[in-house]
N, C-alpha and C. Protein backbone atom coordinates (compact mmCIF):
# COMPACT_ATOMS: atom_id res chain seq x y z
N MET A 1 106.10 -13.18 -54.78
CA MET A 1 105.20 -12.17 -55.29
C MET A 1 105.37 -10.94 -54.45
N PHE A 2 105.09 -9.74 -54.97
CA PHE A 2 105.19 -8.50 -54.32
C PHE A 2 103.95 -7.69 -54.59
N THR A 3 103.79 -6.58 -53.90
CA THR A 3 102.65 -5.64 -54.08
C THR A 3 103.02 -4.24 -54.54
N GLY A 4 104.27 -3.91 -54.46
CA GLY A 4 104.61 -2.57 -54.95
C GLY A 4 104.47 -1.47 -53.85
N ILE A 5 104.18 -1.95 -52.67
CA ILE A 5 104.13 -0.99 -51.58
C ILE A 5 105.50 -1.10 -50.82
N ILE A 6 106.31 0.02 -50.96
CA ILE A 6 107.72 0.02 -50.51
C ILE A 6 107.66 0.03 -48.98
N GLU A 7 108.53 -0.84 -48.39
CA GLU A 7 108.61 -0.86 -46.85
C GLU A 7 109.66 -0.04 -46.31
N GLU A 8 110.77 0.20 -47.08
CA GLU A 8 111.85 0.84 -46.58
C GLU A 8 112.78 1.30 -47.67
N ILE A 9 113.54 2.41 -47.48
CA ILE A 9 114.61 2.85 -48.40
C ILE A 9 115.89 2.37 -47.70
N GLY A 10 116.59 1.47 -48.38
CA GLY A 10 117.84 1.11 -48.02
C GLY A 10 118.99 1.82 -48.71
N SER A 11 120.27 1.45 -48.58
CA SER A 11 121.38 2.03 -49.33
C SER A 11 122.34 1.01 -49.66
N ILE A 12 123.07 1.19 -50.72
CA ILE A 12 124.10 0.28 -51.21
C ILE A 12 125.34 0.36 -50.32
N ARG A 13 125.64 -0.70 -49.65
CA ARG A 13 126.80 -0.66 -48.72
C ARG A 13 128.12 -1.05 -49.48
N GLN A 14 128.06 -2.02 -50.38
CA GLN A 14 129.15 -2.50 -51.10
C GLN A 14 128.68 -3.15 -52.34
N MET A 15 129.51 -3.10 -53.44
CA MET A 15 129.21 -3.80 -54.64
C MET A 15 130.41 -4.60 -55.05
N HIS A 16 130.24 -5.95 -55.42
CA HIS A 16 131.35 -6.78 -55.69
C HIS A 16 131.03 -7.30 -57.16
N PHE A 17 131.84 -6.82 -58.14
CA PHE A 17 131.62 -7.09 -59.44
C PHE A 17 132.29 -8.49 -59.99
N GLY A 18 131.51 -9.24 -60.72
CA GLY A 18 132.14 -10.31 -61.49
C GLY A 18 132.28 -9.90 -62.90
N THR A 19 132.44 -10.90 -63.80
CA THR A 19 132.76 -10.59 -65.19
C THR A 19 131.48 -9.88 -65.80
N ALA A 20 130.28 -10.44 -65.41
CA ALA A 20 129.01 -9.85 -65.92
C ALA A 20 127.94 -9.78 -64.95
N SER A 21 128.33 -10.11 -63.66
CA SER A 21 127.32 -10.12 -62.55
C SER A 21 127.81 -9.15 -61.41
N VAL A 22 127.03 -9.03 -60.41
CA VAL A 22 127.39 -8.23 -59.24
C VAL A 22 126.73 -8.73 -58.04
N GLN A 23 127.46 -8.67 -56.92
CA GLN A 23 126.92 -8.92 -55.67
C GLN A 23 126.65 -7.61 -54.87
N LEU A 24 125.38 -7.41 -54.45
CA LEU A 24 125.10 -6.21 -53.72
C LEU A 24 125.06 -6.54 -52.22
N VAL A 25 125.56 -5.61 -51.42
CA VAL A 25 125.41 -5.67 -50.06
C VAL A 25 124.67 -4.38 -49.72
N ILE A 26 123.48 -4.47 -49.03
CA ILE A 26 122.53 -3.42 -48.86
C ILE A 26 122.25 -3.22 -47.35
N ASN A 27 122.54 -1.94 -46.95
CA ASN A 27 122.04 -1.55 -45.56
C ASN A 27 120.54 -1.44 -45.52
N ALA A 28 120.00 -1.94 -44.47
CA ALA A 28 118.50 -1.93 -44.14
C ALA A 28 118.32 -2.05 -42.71
N LYS A 29 117.08 -1.91 -42.32
CA LYS A 29 116.76 -2.11 -40.89
C LYS A 29 115.34 -2.79 -40.67
N LYS A 30 114.38 -2.12 -41.16
CA LYS A 30 113.00 -2.66 -40.99
C LYS A 30 112.76 -4.05 -41.55
N ILE A 31 113.18 -4.24 -42.82
CA ILE A 31 112.85 -5.44 -43.46
C ILE A 31 113.67 -6.66 -42.87
N LEU A 32 114.74 -6.39 -42.17
CA LEU A 32 115.62 -7.42 -41.66
C LEU A 32 115.18 -8.07 -40.42
N THR A 33 114.05 -7.57 -39.88
CA THR A 33 113.56 -8.14 -38.59
C THR A 33 113.06 -9.64 -38.64
N ASP A 34 112.69 -10.03 -39.93
CA ASP A 34 112.27 -11.48 -39.96
C ASP A 34 112.86 -12.08 -41.36
N VAL A 35 113.96 -11.65 -41.79
CA VAL A 35 114.46 -12.12 -43.06
C VAL A 35 115.44 -13.20 -42.79
N ASN A 36 115.41 -14.32 -43.64
CA ASN A 36 116.35 -15.40 -43.57
C ASN A 36 117.03 -15.62 -44.80
N ILE A 37 118.19 -16.35 -44.82
CA ILE A 37 118.92 -16.64 -46.07
C ILE A 37 117.96 -17.47 -46.92
N GLY A 38 117.87 -17.11 -48.20
CA GLY A 38 116.94 -17.82 -49.18
C GLY A 38 115.73 -17.11 -49.39
N ASP A 39 115.36 -16.03 -48.58
CA ASP A 39 114.18 -15.25 -48.74
C ASP A 39 114.30 -14.38 -49.99
N SER A 40 113.17 -13.87 -50.50
CA SER A 40 113.17 -12.95 -51.64
C SER A 40 112.85 -11.53 -51.12
N ILE A 41 113.65 -10.59 -51.72
CA ILE A 41 113.43 -9.16 -51.42
C ILE A 41 113.53 -8.47 -52.77
N ALA A 42 112.49 -7.53 -52.94
CA ALA A 42 112.56 -6.75 -54.22
C ALA A 42 113.39 -5.47 -53.98
N VAL A 43 114.46 -5.37 -54.80
CA VAL A 43 115.39 -4.25 -54.66
C VAL A 43 115.11 -3.36 -55.94
N ASN A 44 114.55 -2.20 -55.76
CA ASN A 44 114.09 -1.40 -56.87
C ASN A 44 113.30 -2.19 -57.85
N GLY A 45 112.42 -3.09 -57.21
CA GLY A 45 111.55 -3.90 -58.05
C GLY A 45 112.04 -5.16 -58.59
N THR A 46 113.27 -5.49 -58.44
CA THR A 46 113.93 -6.68 -58.90
C THR A 46 114.01 -7.68 -57.85
N CYS A 47 113.35 -8.86 -58.07
CA CYS A 47 113.43 -9.92 -57.09
C CYS A 47 114.72 -10.62 -56.92
N LEU A 48 115.35 -10.36 -55.72
CA LEU A 48 116.57 -10.91 -55.45
C LEU A 48 116.55 -11.94 -54.27
N THR A 49 117.41 -12.88 -54.21
CA THR A 49 117.49 -13.86 -53.16
C THR A 49 118.48 -13.48 -52.15
N VAL A 50 118.14 -13.49 -50.88
CA VAL A 50 119.14 -13.18 -49.80
C VAL A 50 120.12 -14.32 -49.56
N THR A 51 121.41 -13.93 -49.77
CA THR A 51 122.48 -14.95 -49.65
C THR A 51 123.20 -14.86 -48.26
N ASP A 52 123.04 -13.76 -47.62
CA ASP A 52 123.65 -13.54 -46.27
C ASP A 52 122.94 -12.33 -45.58
N CYS A 53 122.77 -12.34 -44.35
CA CYS A 53 122.18 -11.22 -43.66
C CYS A 53 122.42 -11.18 -42.21
N ASN A 54 122.36 -10.00 -41.61
CA ASN A 54 122.34 -9.78 -40.16
C ASN A 54 121.39 -8.63 -39.82
N ALA A 55 121.49 -8.10 -38.70
CA ALA A 55 120.60 -7.02 -38.26
C ALA A 55 120.68 -5.71 -39.01
N HIS A 56 121.84 -5.58 -39.74
CA HIS A 56 122.13 -4.23 -40.37
C HIS A 56 122.18 -4.22 -41.87
N PHE A 57 122.45 -5.39 -42.49
CA PHE A 57 122.55 -5.46 -43.96
C PHE A 57 122.33 -6.84 -44.48
N PHE A 58 122.09 -6.98 -45.79
CA PHE A 58 121.90 -8.30 -46.35
C PHE A 58 122.69 -8.33 -47.72
N SER A 59 123.00 -9.45 -48.22
CA SER A 59 123.66 -9.61 -49.52
C SER A 59 122.80 -10.32 -50.49
N ALA A 60 122.97 -10.02 -51.79
CA ALA A 60 122.24 -10.71 -52.76
C ALA A 60 123.02 -10.69 -54.05
N ASP A 61 122.96 -11.78 -54.91
CA ASP A 61 123.67 -11.92 -56.19
C ASP A 61 122.79 -11.54 -57.26
N VAL A 62 123.34 -10.66 -58.22
CA VAL A 62 122.56 -10.24 -59.43
C VAL A 62 123.19 -10.95 -60.58
N MET A 63 122.38 -11.85 -61.18
CA MET A 63 123.02 -12.65 -62.39
C MET A 63 123.04 -11.75 -63.56
N PRO A 64 123.88 -12.15 -64.57
CA PRO A 64 124.10 -11.30 -65.76
C PRO A 64 122.77 -10.89 -66.49
N GLU A 65 121.77 -11.84 -66.63
CA GLU A 65 120.55 -11.39 -67.26
C GLU A 65 119.89 -10.21 -66.47
N SER A 66 119.88 -10.18 -65.16
CA SER A 66 119.25 -9.17 -64.37
C SER A 66 119.98 -7.91 -64.57
N VAL A 67 121.45 -7.98 -64.67
CA VAL A 67 122.23 -6.86 -64.88
C VAL A 67 121.86 -6.14 -66.28
N ARG A 68 121.62 -7.00 -67.21
CA ARG A 68 121.37 -6.46 -68.59
C ARG A 68 120.00 -5.89 -68.68
N LYS A 69 118.97 -6.45 -67.99
CA LYS A 69 117.57 -6.04 -68.14
C LYS A 69 117.15 -4.91 -67.27
N THR A 70 117.93 -4.70 -66.10
CA THR A 70 117.45 -3.73 -65.06
C THR A 70 118.35 -2.47 -64.94
N SER A 71 118.10 -1.58 -64.06
CA SER A 71 118.97 -0.47 -63.80
C SER A 71 119.87 -0.63 -62.66
N LEU A 72 119.96 -1.86 -62.17
CA LEU A 72 120.79 -2.17 -60.97
C LEU A 72 122.29 -1.85 -61.31
N SER A 73 122.69 -1.93 -62.61
CA SER A 73 124.06 -1.69 -62.93
C SER A 73 124.34 -0.19 -62.84
N GLU A 74 123.41 0.64 -62.66
CA GLU A 74 123.53 2.06 -62.48
C GLU A 74 123.83 2.50 -61.05
N LEU A 75 123.64 1.53 -60.05
CA LEU A 75 123.83 1.82 -58.69
C LEU A 75 125.33 2.02 -58.32
N LYS A 76 125.54 2.81 -57.28
CA LYS A 76 126.86 3.05 -56.77
C LYS A 76 126.74 2.92 -55.22
N THR A 77 127.95 2.77 -54.59
CA THR A 77 127.96 2.73 -53.11
C THR A 77 127.33 3.99 -52.61
N GLY A 78 126.33 3.81 -51.70
CA GLY A 78 125.52 4.91 -51.13
C GLY A 78 124.25 5.16 -51.84
N SER A 79 124.02 4.58 -52.98
CA SER A 79 122.75 4.77 -53.68
C SER A 79 121.60 4.28 -52.87
N PRO A 80 120.47 5.02 -52.83
CA PRO A 80 119.29 4.64 -52.18
C PRO A 80 118.54 3.60 -53.05
N VAL A 81 117.87 2.59 -52.44
CA VAL A 81 117.19 1.68 -53.07
C VAL A 81 115.79 1.36 -52.39
N ASN A 82 114.75 1.07 -53.20
CA ASN A 82 113.46 0.65 -52.67
C ASN A 82 113.51 -0.76 -52.27
N LEU A 83 113.01 -1.04 -51.01
CA LEU A 83 112.97 -2.47 -50.61
C LEU A 83 111.53 -2.88 -50.19
N GLU A 84 111.33 -4.17 -50.55
CA GLU A 84 110.02 -4.78 -50.21
C GLU A 84 110.16 -6.24 -49.95
N ARG A 85 109.73 -6.76 -48.82
CA ARG A 85 109.72 -8.21 -48.62
C ARG A 85 108.62 -8.86 -49.51
N ALA A 86 108.84 -10.18 -49.70
CA ALA A 86 107.76 -10.89 -50.49
C ALA A 86 106.43 -10.84 -49.78
N LEU A 87 105.37 -10.86 -50.58
CA LEU A 87 104.02 -10.80 -50.06
C LEU A 87 103.70 -12.12 -49.14
N GLN A 88 103.06 -11.83 -47.97
CA GLN A 88 102.52 -12.85 -47.18
C GLN A 88 101.04 -13.01 -47.55
N ILE A 89 100.58 -14.24 -47.43
CA ILE A 89 99.22 -14.54 -47.69
C ILE A 89 98.17 -13.79 -46.79
N THR A 90 98.75 -13.44 -45.57
CA THR A 90 97.83 -12.77 -44.62
C THR A 90 97.86 -11.17 -44.80
N SER A 91 98.69 -10.75 -45.69
CA SER A 91 98.87 -9.30 -45.90
C SER A 91 97.79 -8.74 -46.76
N ARG A 92 97.39 -7.43 -46.57
CA ARG A 92 96.48 -6.76 -47.44
C ARG A 92 97.17 -6.52 -48.82
N LEU A 93 96.53 -6.61 -49.89
CA LEU A 93 97.20 -6.39 -51.18
C LEU A 93 96.86 -4.88 -51.55
N GLY A 94 97.79 -4.01 -51.04
CA GLY A 94 97.54 -2.57 -51.20
C GLY A 94 97.87 -2.06 -52.53
N GLY A 95 98.83 -2.77 -53.27
CA GLY A 95 99.19 -2.30 -54.59
C GLY A 95 98.60 -3.20 -55.71
N HIS A 96 99.47 -3.90 -56.46
CA HIS A 96 99.00 -4.87 -57.43
C HIS A 96 99.98 -5.94 -57.44
N ILE A 97 99.56 -7.21 -58.01
CA ILE A 97 100.45 -8.32 -57.93
C ILE A 97 101.58 -8.16 -58.82
N MET A 98 102.81 -8.33 -58.37
CA MET A 98 104.02 -8.13 -59.12
C MET A 98 104.92 -9.29 -58.86
N SER A 99 105.69 -9.77 -59.93
CA SER A 99 106.65 -10.84 -59.87
C SER A 99 107.98 -10.49 -59.44
N GLY A 100 108.41 -9.23 -59.60
CA GLY A 100 109.70 -8.82 -59.33
C GLY A 100 110.64 -9.15 -60.52
N HIS A 101 110.10 -9.53 -61.70
CA HIS A 101 110.82 -9.79 -62.85
C HIS A 101 110.70 -8.65 -63.82
N ILE A 102 111.78 -7.91 -63.95
CA ILE A 102 111.74 -6.59 -64.63
C ILE A 102 111.62 -6.84 -66.17
N ASP A 103 110.75 -6.11 -66.77
CA ASP A 103 110.52 -6.18 -68.23
C ASP A 103 111.47 -5.43 -68.97
N GLY A 104 111.89 -4.29 -68.45
CA GLY A 104 112.91 -3.39 -69.12
C GLY A 104 113.03 -2.15 -68.28
N THR A 105 113.65 -1.18 -68.90
CA THR A 105 113.86 0.09 -68.22
C THR A 105 113.20 1.26 -68.91
N GLY A 106 112.98 2.27 -68.12
CA GLY A 106 112.45 3.56 -68.77
C GLY A 106 113.29 4.72 -68.29
N LYS A 107 113.02 5.92 -68.85
CA LYS A 107 113.82 7.11 -68.53
C LYS A 107 112.88 8.27 -68.09
N ILE A 108 113.11 8.92 -67.00
CA ILE A 108 112.39 10.06 -66.60
C ILE A 108 112.63 11.23 -67.52
N ILE A 109 111.66 11.75 -68.11
CA ILE A 109 111.89 12.86 -69.12
C ILE A 109 111.24 14.16 -68.64
N GLN A 110 110.35 14.02 -67.62
CA GLN A 110 109.66 15.17 -67.14
C GLN A 110 109.19 15.02 -65.72
N LYS A 111 109.28 15.99 -64.83
CA LYS A 111 108.58 16.04 -63.56
C LYS A 111 108.08 17.39 -63.28
N LYS A 112 106.88 17.39 -62.84
CA LYS A 112 106.18 18.69 -62.53
C LYS A 112 105.23 18.51 -61.43
N SER A 113 104.96 19.63 -60.66
CA SER A 113 104.02 19.59 -59.61
C SER A 113 102.66 20.00 -60.03
N GLU A 114 101.64 19.38 -59.52
CA GLU A 114 100.25 19.81 -59.77
C GLU A 114 99.48 19.66 -58.40
N ASP A 115 99.35 20.87 -57.69
CA ASP A 115 98.79 20.89 -56.35
C ASP A 115 99.68 20.00 -55.47
N ASN A 116 99.06 18.88 -54.89
CA ASN A 116 99.88 18.06 -53.88
C ASN A 116 100.48 16.87 -54.65
N ALA A 117 100.38 16.86 -56.06
CA ALA A 117 100.90 15.62 -56.75
C ALA A 117 102.18 15.94 -57.50
N ILE A 118 103.01 14.96 -57.74
CA ILE A 118 104.10 15.07 -58.69
C ILE A 118 103.79 14.31 -59.85
N ILE A 119 103.82 14.87 -61.00
CA ILE A 119 103.46 14.20 -62.32
C ILE A 119 104.84 13.82 -62.97
N VAL A 120 104.98 12.54 -63.21
CA VAL A 120 106.26 12.07 -63.85
C VAL A 120 105.95 11.47 -65.17
N THR A 121 106.67 11.86 -66.13
CA THR A 121 106.57 11.36 -67.47
C THR A 121 107.82 10.60 -67.82
N LEU A 122 107.67 9.31 -68.33
CA LEU A 122 108.84 8.44 -68.57
C LEU A 122 108.71 7.93 -70.06
N SER A 123 109.87 7.94 -70.72
CA SER A 123 109.92 7.35 -72.05
C SER A 123 110.24 5.87 -71.86
N ALA A 124 109.79 5.02 -72.82
CA ALA A 124 110.03 3.58 -72.88
C ALA A 124 109.98 3.07 -74.26
N THR A 125 110.41 1.76 -74.39
CA THR A 125 110.39 1.21 -75.76
C THR A 125 108.98 0.78 -76.10
N PRO A 126 108.78 0.68 -77.39
CA PRO A 126 107.44 0.14 -77.83
C PRO A 126 107.11 -1.30 -77.24
N GLN A 127 108.18 -2.03 -77.05
CA GLN A 127 107.96 -3.40 -76.39
C GLN A 127 107.35 -3.26 -75.08
N LEU A 128 107.71 -2.26 -74.31
CA LEU A 128 107.19 -2.08 -72.90
C LEU A 128 105.73 -1.39 -73.01
N LEU A 129 105.77 -0.32 -73.85
CA LEU A 129 104.52 0.42 -73.89
C LEU A 129 103.28 -0.31 -74.35
N ARG A 130 103.46 -1.31 -75.11
CA ARG A 130 102.31 -2.19 -75.66
C ARG A 130 101.57 -2.78 -74.42
N TYR A 131 102.21 -3.00 -73.33
CA TYR A 131 101.55 -3.55 -72.18
C TYR A 131 101.14 -2.51 -71.13
N ILE A 132 101.33 -1.32 -71.39
CA ILE A 132 100.94 -0.23 -70.41
C ILE A 132 99.69 0.49 -70.86
N VAL A 133 98.64 0.49 -70.04
CA VAL A 133 97.39 1.02 -70.44
C VAL A 133 96.93 2.09 -69.43
N LYS A 134 96.18 3.10 -70.00
CA LYS A 134 95.69 4.15 -69.23
C LYS A 134 94.77 3.60 -68.07
N LYS A 135 95.07 4.10 -66.90
CA LYS A 135 94.37 3.70 -65.64
C LYS A 135 94.70 2.28 -65.20
N GLY A 136 95.69 1.58 -65.89
CA GLY A 136 96.15 0.38 -65.47
C GLY A 136 97.28 0.56 -64.42
N SER A 137 97.88 -0.61 -64.03
CA SER A 137 98.89 -0.57 -63.00
C SER A 137 100.30 -0.76 -63.71
N VAL A 138 101.30 -0.21 -63.14
CA VAL A 138 102.68 -0.30 -63.56
C VAL A 138 103.57 -0.23 -62.35
N ALA A 139 104.74 -0.89 -62.38
CA ALA A 139 105.70 -0.85 -61.21
C ALA A 139 106.93 -0.07 -61.76
N ILE A 140 107.27 1.00 -61.12
CA ILE A 140 108.43 1.76 -61.38
C ILE A 140 109.44 1.68 -60.24
N ASP A 141 110.60 0.95 -60.42
CA ASP A 141 111.50 0.73 -59.33
C ASP A 141 110.82 0.05 -58.19
N GLY A 142 109.91 -0.86 -58.52
CA GLY A 142 109.21 -1.66 -57.45
C GLY A 142 108.09 -0.92 -56.83
N ILE A 143 107.61 0.31 -57.27
CA ILE A 143 106.61 1.09 -56.69
C ILE A 143 105.30 0.91 -57.56
N SER A 144 104.29 0.43 -56.90
CA SER A 144 103.04 0.25 -57.63
C SER A 144 102.34 1.53 -57.92
N LEU A 145 102.12 2.00 -59.15
CA LEU A 145 101.57 3.20 -59.56
C LEU A 145 100.54 2.91 -60.61
N THR A 146 99.57 4.01 -60.69
CA THR A 146 98.56 3.96 -61.70
C THR A 146 98.94 4.84 -62.91
N VAL A 147 98.65 4.33 -64.06
CA VAL A 147 99.07 4.96 -65.28
C VAL A 147 98.01 6.08 -65.49
N VAL A 148 98.50 7.33 -65.59
CA VAL A 148 97.63 8.50 -65.88
C VAL A 148 97.30 8.65 -67.40
N ASP A 149 98.43 8.37 -68.18
CA ASP A 149 98.30 8.53 -69.64
C ASP A 149 99.39 7.77 -70.31
N VAL A 150 99.14 7.45 -71.57
CA VAL A 150 100.19 6.70 -72.27
C VAL A 150 100.02 6.98 -73.84
N ASP A 151 101.09 7.07 -74.52
CA ASP A 151 101.03 7.14 -76.04
C ASP A 151 102.21 6.24 -76.55
N ALA A 152 102.44 6.46 -77.82
CA ALA A 152 103.37 5.56 -78.51
C ALA A 152 104.79 5.64 -78.00
N HIS A 153 105.16 6.76 -77.30
CA HIS A 153 106.54 6.95 -76.86
C HIS A 153 106.71 7.13 -75.39
N LYS A 154 105.74 7.38 -74.64
CA LYS A 154 105.88 7.65 -73.23
C LYS A 154 104.63 7.33 -72.46
N PHE A 155 104.77 7.35 -71.12
CA PHE A 155 103.69 7.16 -70.20
C PHE A 155 103.83 8.08 -69.00
N VAL A 156 102.72 8.29 -68.34
CA VAL A 156 102.67 9.31 -67.25
C VAL A 156 102.12 8.65 -65.99
N VAL A 157 102.78 8.93 -64.81
CA VAL A 157 102.23 8.47 -63.58
C VAL A 157 102.20 9.72 -62.68
N SER A 158 101.37 9.59 -61.54
CA SER A 158 101.22 10.66 -60.60
C SER A 158 101.48 10.18 -59.25
N LEU A 159 102.27 10.87 -58.45
CA LEU A 159 102.69 10.50 -57.08
C LEU A 159 102.07 11.38 -56.10
N ILE A 160 101.50 10.76 -55.09
CA ILE A 160 101.02 11.50 -53.94
C ILE A 160 102.31 11.81 -52.98
N PRO A 161 102.21 12.86 -52.14
CA PRO A 161 103.38 13.21 -51.35
C PRO A 161 103.98 11.93 -50.53
N HIS A 162 103.03 11.12 -50.03
CA HIS A 162 103.49 9.93 -49.28
C HIS A 162 104.46 9.05 -50.06
N THR A 163 104.08 8.75 -51.29
CA THR A 163 104.80 7.88 -52.24
C THR A 163 106.18 8.53 -52.47
N ALA A 164 106.20 9.81 -52.74
CA ALA A 164 107.47 10.47 -53.03
C ALA A 164 108.35 10.47 -51.75
N ALA A 165 107.74 10.54 -50.56
CA ALA A 165 108.55 10.59 -49.36
C ALA A 165 109.17 9.25 -48.95
N VAL A 166 108.48 8.18 -49.19
CA VAL A 166 108.80 6.84 -48.63
C VAL A 166 109.45 5.98 -49.67
N SER A 167 109.73 6.50 -50.92
CA SER A 167 110.43 5.72 -51.96
C SER A 167 111.45 6.61 -52.62
N THR A 168 112.23 6.02 -53.39
CA THR A 168 113.31 6.83 -54.06
C THR A 168 112.83 7.66 -55.27
N ILE A 169 111.61 7.39 -55.77
CA ILE A 169 111.24 8.07 -57.06
C ILE A 169 111.09 9.61 -56.80
N GLY A 170 110.79 10.07 -55.62
CA GLY A 170 110.74 11.49 -55.33
C GLY A 170 112.09 12.22 -55.46
N GLN A 171 113.19 11.37 -55.32
CA GLN A 171 114.56 11.96 -55.49
C GLN A 171 115.09 11.89 -56.84
N LYS A 172 114.47 11.16 -57.72
CA LYS A 172 114.99 10.88 -59.11
C LYS A 172 114.98 12.14 -59.91
N LYS A 173 115.98 12.32 -60.71
CA LYS A 173 116.12 13.52 -61.47
C LYS A 173 115.75 13.17 -62.97
N ILE A 174 115.57 14.22 -63.73
CA ILE A 174 115.34 14.08 -65.21
C ILE A 174 116.53 13.29 -65.81
N GLY A 175 116.27 12.22 -66.57
CA GLY A 175 117.26 11.42 -67.16
C GLY A 175 117.60 10.15 -66.51
N ALA A 176 117.05 10.02 -65.24
CA ALA A 176 117.27 8.81 -64.45
C ALA A 176 116.72 7.63 -65.08
N ILE A 177 117.45 6.44 -65.04
CA ILE A 177 116.95 5.22 -65.60
C ILE A 177 116.22 4.37 -64.43
N VAL A 178 115.07 3.87 -64.76
CA VAL A 178 114.30 3.15 -63.74
C VAL A 178 113.85 1.85 -64.29
N ASN A 179 113.64 0.98 -63.34
CA ASN A 179 113.13 -0.40 -63.74
C ASN A 179 111.62 -0.30 -63.98
N VAL A 180 111.03 -1.10 -64.92
CA VAL A 180 109.77 -1.11 -65.28
C VAL A 180 109.24 -2.59 -65.33
N GLU A 181 108.20 -2.78 -64.49
CA GLU A 181 107.55 -4.13 -64.58
C GLU A 181 106.03 -3.90 -64.97
N THR A 182 105.70 -4.41 -66.15
CA THR A 182 104.33 -4.13 -66.63
C THR A 182 103.29 -5.15 -65.98
N ASP A 183 101.99 -4.94 -66.12
CA ASP A 183 101.11 -5.86 -65.52
C ASP A 183 101.11 -7.21 -66.27
N ILE A 184 101.19 -8.24 -65.49
CA ILE A 184 101.33 -9.57 -65.98
C ILE A 184 100.21 -10.07 -66.76
N ILE A 185 98.91 -9.54 -66.48
CA ILE A 185 97.72 -10.00 -67.07
C ILE A 185 97.69 -9.79 -68.59
N GLY A 186 98.19 -8.60 -68.98
CA GLY A 186 98.20 -8.36 -70.40
C GLY A 186 99.07 -9.26 -71.15
N LYS A 187 100.16 -9.73 -70.52
CA LYS A 187 101.16 -10.61 -71.30
C LYS A 187 100.51 -11.98 -71.42
N TYR A 188 99.70 -12.41 -70.42
CA TYR A 188 99.11 -13.72 -70.61
C TYR A 188 97.97 -13.67 -71.64
N ILE A 189 97.24 -12.57 -71.70
CA ILE A 189 96.26 -12.48 -72.70
C ILE A 189 96.78 -12.46 -74.09
N GLU A 190 97.88 -11.77 -74.29
CA GLU A 190 98.55 -11.76 -75.57
C GLU A 190 99.09 -13.13 -75.97
N LYS A 191 99.59 -13.91 -75.01
CA LYS A 191 100.02 -15.30 -75.22
C LYS A 191 98.83 -16.17 -75.71
N LEU A 192 97.67 -15.95 -74.98
CA LEU A 192 96.52 -16.74 -75.41
C LEU A 192 96.10 -16.50 -76.85
N LEU A 193 96.14 -15.26 -77.19
CA LEU A 193 95.56 -14.71 -78.47
C LEU A 193 96.56 -15.09 -79.56
N SER A 194 97.86 -15.43 -79.27
CA SER A 194 98.82 -15.67 -80.36
C SER A 194 98.95 -17.12 -80.63
N VAL A 195 98.10 -17.98 -80.18
CA VAL A 195 98.25 -19.48 -80.51
C VAL A 195 97.96 -19.65 -82.04
N ASP A 196 98.80 -20.48 -82.59
CA ASP A 196 98.68 -20.74 -84.07
C ASP A 196 97.48 -21.73 -84.27
N THR A 197 96.44 -21.12 -84.97
CA THR A 197 95.24 -21.89 -85.11
C THR A 197 95.45 -23.06 -86.09
N ASP A 198 96.35 -22.97 -87.03
CA ASP A 198 96.69 -24.08 -87.90
C ASP A 198 97.31 -25.40 -87.20
N LYS A 199 98.13 -25.09 -86.24
CA LYS A 199 98.93 -26.22 -85.59
C LYS A 199 98.06 -26.66 -84.37
N THR A 200 97.33 -25.82 -83.69
CA THR A 200 96.58 -26.22 -82.48
C THR A 200 95.19 -25.66 -82.58
N PRO A 201 94.34 -26.11 -83.51
CA PRO A 201 93.05 -25.53 -83.65
C PRO A 201 92.18 -25.72 -82.36
N ALA A 202 92.30 -26.89 -81.74
CA ALA A 202 91.44 -27.14 -80.56
C ALA A 202 91.81 -26.17 -79.46
N ILE A 203 93.08 -25.99 -79.11
CA ILE A 203 93.50 -25.07 -78.14
C ILE A 203 93.04 -23.75 -78.48
N SER A 204 93.27 -23.34 -79.70
CA SER A 204 92.93 -21.92 -80.10
C SER A 204 91.38 -21.64 -79.87
N ALA A 205 90.60 -22.70 -80.30
CA ALA A 205 89.16 -22.50 -80.11
C ALA A 205 88.80 -22.38 -78.61
N LEU A 206 89.46 -23.25 -77.83
CA LEU A 206 89.19 -23.10 -76.41
C LEU A 206 89.57 -21.84 -75.85
N ASN A 207 90.77 -21.27 -76.24
CA ASN A 207 91.14 -19.94 -75.72
C ASN A 207 90.24 -18.84 -76.19
N THR A 208 89.82 -18.88 -77.53
CA THR A 208 88.78 -17.92 -77.92
C THR A 208 87.56 -17.84 -77.28
N ASP A 209 87.08 -19.08 -76.98
CA ASP A 209 85.80 -19.23 -76.21
C ASP A 209 85.95 -18.66 -74.85
N PHE A 210 87.04 -19.00 -74.21
CA PHE A 210 87.30 -18.45 -72.85
C PHE A 210 87.39 -16.94 -72.79
N LEU A 211 88.06 -16.38 -73.73
CA LEU A 211 88.28 -14.92 -73.79
C LEU A 211 86.93 -14.21 -74.06
N GLN A 212 86.08 -14.81 -74.96
CA GLN A 212 84.87 -14.15 -75.32
C GLN A 212 83.92 -14.24 -74.06
N LYS A 213 83.84 -15.43 -73.46
CA LYS A 213 82.89 -15.49 -72.27
C LYS A 213 83.27 -14.53 -71.14
N ASN A 214 84.61 -14.23 -71.09
CA ASN A 214 85.00 -13.41 -69.93
C ASN A 214 85.21 -12.00 -70.34
N GLY A 215 84.73 -11.64 -71.60
CA GLY A 215 84.62 -10.26 -71.91
C GLY A 215 85.94 -9.61 -72.40
N PHE A 216 86.93 -10.38 -72.75
CA PHE A 216 88.19 -9.82 -73.22
C PHE A 216 88.14 -9.32 -74.62
N TYR A 217 87.21 -9.84 -75.47
CA TYR A 217 86.93 -9.32 -76.76
C TYR A 217 85.63 -9.91 -77.32
């Protein structure tokens, strides 16, 4: 699990391509102080397993499914990437709970300044937008952000100067493809509400009772 609070911007050192997969070798410093083989690191929000590491870089394999669903295939040697180690139980939860499992990608279609903030508008598919709600949480390239607004075609987030400075999103241009992870709570609620009442009436009644008691509808 991750929080969406970026610890460091690393850079792609090497990329080794398979038929439909890729191995990333990533330069880093801060996050490597206590990383071991087998640990999880979020790279632009994508949970990857460390397969090799030293004091200067680490390696991770990206399976074909992750290549298809994320923007990692857009990376090149030298590309900057957001890095975050897995959440420790003793850590403060400064962002929101994230799995590192990317739901899809979005595209930056507008960036503008408003006083000290950078307002970023992103287009996304209806399948993603159904889980994005105004004032809810969303992860963009692994960065925990609050949704300012959303409609049927796009959503808007606002960056403070610190977020723009310590992550890659401040450098992204119009047209850039980014990873999107929506809030997991909405997906669980949808699953509960979609139970077939004819096949599983007891389970459906239990789910409905639970949701009503807890104010979901």
